[in-house]
Amino acid sequence: NRIDPFANYNPDVIDFIRRCDTEEQAEEIIAYMERRGEISGEYAAQLRKQLKEKGVRSFGPKKEENYYLKKAGLI
């Protein structure tokens, strides 16, 4: 029996952005998280600036499907 090290992990805005393929998708994530109050307007502005200047991959490599399960060695 393996223990999932991500069992209680809550992805943050960067984790969600890293799943995006396009800048438009990333902007939707930022706007959604900002609307819900999960990130501040100031942080959203910083993320948008980075997105515009450096692109979606500047947040890290794309997280593919089952990323956490693979990282945990569960699949």
C-alpha atoms as a PDB file:
ATOM      1  CA  ASN A   1       0.000   0.000   0.000  1.00  0.00           C
ATOM      2  CA  ARG A   2       1.424   3.292  -1.107  1.00  0.00           C
ATOM      3  CA  ILE A   3       0.525   6.552   0.535  1.00  0.00           C
ATOM      4  CA  ASP A   4      -0.418   9.422  -1.745  1.00  0.00           C
ATOM      5  CA  PRO A   5       1.811  12.359  -0.726  1.00  0.00           C
ATOM      6  CA  PHE A   6      -0.604  14.724  -2.474  1.00  0.00           C
ATOM      7  CA  ALA A   7      -3.727  13.454  -0.670  1.00  0.00           C
ATOM      8  CA  ASN A   8      -4.367  16.742   1.138  1.00  0.00           C
ATOM      9  CA  TYR A   9      -2.687  19.000  -1.405  1.00  0.00           C
ATOM     10  CA  ASN A  10      -4.730  21.928  -2.699  1.00  0.00           C
ATOM     11  CA  PRO A  11      -3.503  23.220  -6.055  1.00  0.00           C
ATOM     12  CA  ASP A  12      -2.878  26.948  -6.259  1.00  0.00           C
ATOM     13  CA  VAL A  13      -3.281  29.333  -9.172  1.00  0.00           C
ATOM     14  CA  ILE A  14       0.174  28.449 -10.536  1.00  0.00           C
ATOM     15  CA  ASP A  15      -0.721  24.748 -10.581  1.00  0.00           C
ATOM     16  CA  PHE A  16      -3.825  25.545 -12.609  1.00  0.00           C
ATOM     17  CA  ILE A  17      -1.940  27.864 -14.969  1.00  0.00           C
ATOM     18  CA  ARG A  18       0.598  25.105 -15.591  1.00  0.00           C
ATOM     19  CA  ARG A  19      -2.206  22.938 -16.963  1.00  0.00           C
ATOM     20  CA  CYS A  20      -3.059  25.562 -19.591  1.00  0.00           C
ATOM     21  CA  ASP A  21      -2.049  25.343 -23.223  1.00  0.00           C
ATOM     22  CA  THR A  22      -2.611  28.990 -24.099  1.00  0.00           C
ATOM     23  CA  GLU A  23      -2.305  32.437 -22.588  1.00  0.00           C
ATOM     24  CA  GLU A  24      -6.061  32.832 -23.026  1.00  0.00           C
ATOM     25  CA  GLN A  25      -6.711  29.785 -20.851  1.00  0.00           C
ATOM     26  CA  ALA A  26      -4.290  31.102 -18.235  1.00  0.00           C
ATOM     27  CA  GLU A  27      -6.060  34.469 -18.216  1.00  0.00           C
ATOM     28  CA  GLU A  28      -9.371  32.688 -17.632  1.00  0.00           C
ATOM     29  CA  ILE A  29      -7.861  30.900 -14.623  1.00  0.00           C
ATOM     30  CA  ILE A  30      -6.469  34.146 -13.208  1.00  0.00           C
ATOM     31  CA  ALA A  31      -9.785  35.957 -13.693  1.00  0.00           C
ATOM     32  CA  TYR A  32     -11.751  33.087 -12.143  1.00  0.00           C
ATOM     33  CA  MET A  33      -9.502  32.855  -9.081  1.00  0.00           C
ATOM     34  CA  GLU A  34      -9.591  36.632  -8.673  1.00  0.00           C
ATOM     35  CA  ARG A  35     -13.410  36.745  -8.934  1.00  0.00           C
ATOM     36  CA  ARG A  36     -13.709  34.039  -6.293  1.00  0.00           C
ATOM     37  CA  GLY A  37     -11.378  35.933  -3.980  1.00  0.00           C
ATOM     38  CA  GLU A  38      -8.828  33.116  -4.017  1.00  0.00           C
ATOM     39  CA  ILE A  39      -6.134  35.543  -5.189  1.00  0.00           C
ATOM     40  CA  SER A  40      -5.884  39.278  -4.641  1.00  0.00           C
ATOM     41  CA  GLY A  41      -6.211  41.847  -7.379  1.00  0.00           C
ATOM     42  CA  GLU A  42      -2.587  42.767  -6.812  1.00  0.00           C
ATOM     43  CA  TYR A  43      -1.408  39.169  -7.229  1.00  0.00           C
ATOM     44  CA  ALA A  44      -3.652  38.754 -10.282  1.00  0.00           C
ATOM     45  CA  ALA A  45      -2.024  41.833 -11.826  1.00  0.00           C
ATOM     46  CA  GLN A  46       1.441  40.375 -11.190  1.00  0.00           C
ATOM     47  CA  LEU A  47       0.407  37.088 -12.796  1.00  0.00           C
ATOM     48  CA  ARG A  48      -1.053  38.887 -15.820  1.00  0.00           C
ATOM     49  CA  LYS A  49       2.128  40.914 -16.234  1.00  0.00           C
ATOM     50  CA  GLN A  50       4.261  37.766 -16.167  1.00  0.00           C
ATOM     51  CA  LEU A  51       1.867  36.036 -18.553  1.00  0.00           C
ATOM     52  CA  LYS A  52       1.968  38.922 -21.025  1.00  0.00           C
ATOM     53  CA  GLU A  53       5.724  39.470 -20.841  1.00  0.00           C
ATOM     54  CA  LYS A  54       6.999  35.909 -20.537  1.00  0.00           C
ATOM     55  CA  GLY A  55       4.203  33.588 -21.621  1.00  0.00           C
ATOM     56  CA  VAL A  56       2.322  30.712 -20.054  1.00  0.00           C
ATOM     57  CA  ARG A  57       5.354  28.407 -19.784  1.00  0.00           C
ATOM     58  CA  SER A  58       7.161  30.961 -17.616  1.00  0.00           C
ATOM     59  CA  PHE A  59       5.115  29.546 -14.723  1.00  0.00           C
ATOM     60  CA  GLY A  60       6.705  26.136 -15.201  1.00  0.00           C
ATOM     61  CA  PRO A  61       6.430  23.162 -17.513  1.00  0.00           C
ATOM     62  CA  LYS A  62       2.974  21.947 -18.460  1.00  0.00           C
ATOM     63  CA  LYS A  63       1.360  19.642 -15.939  1.00  0.00           C
ATOM     64  CA  GLU A  64      -0.113  16.821 -17.956  1.00  0.00           C
ATOM     65  CA  GLU A  65      -3.057  14.635 -17.023  1.00  0.00           C
ATOM     66  CA  ASN A  66      -2.419  12.484 -13.932  1.00  0.00           C
ATOM     67  CA  TYR A  67       0.590  14.641 -13.000  1.00  0.00           C
ATOM     68  CA  TYR A  68       0.185  14.137  -9.262  1.00  0.00           C
ATOM     69  CA  LEU A  69      -0.499  10.416  -9.504  1.00  0.00           C
ATOM     70  CA  LYS A  70       2.635   9.957 -11.600  1.00  0.00           C
ATOM     71  CA  LYS A  71       4.734  12.110  -9.243  1.00  0.00           C
ATOM     72  CA  ALA A  72       3.501  10.055  -6.305  1.00  0.00           C
ATOM     73  CA  GLY A  73       4.384   6.835  -8.133  1.00  0.00           C
ATOM     74  CA  LEU A  74       0.791   5.655  -7.955  1.00  0.00           C
ATOM     75  CA  ILE A  75       0.524   5.052 -11.701  1.00  0.00           C
END
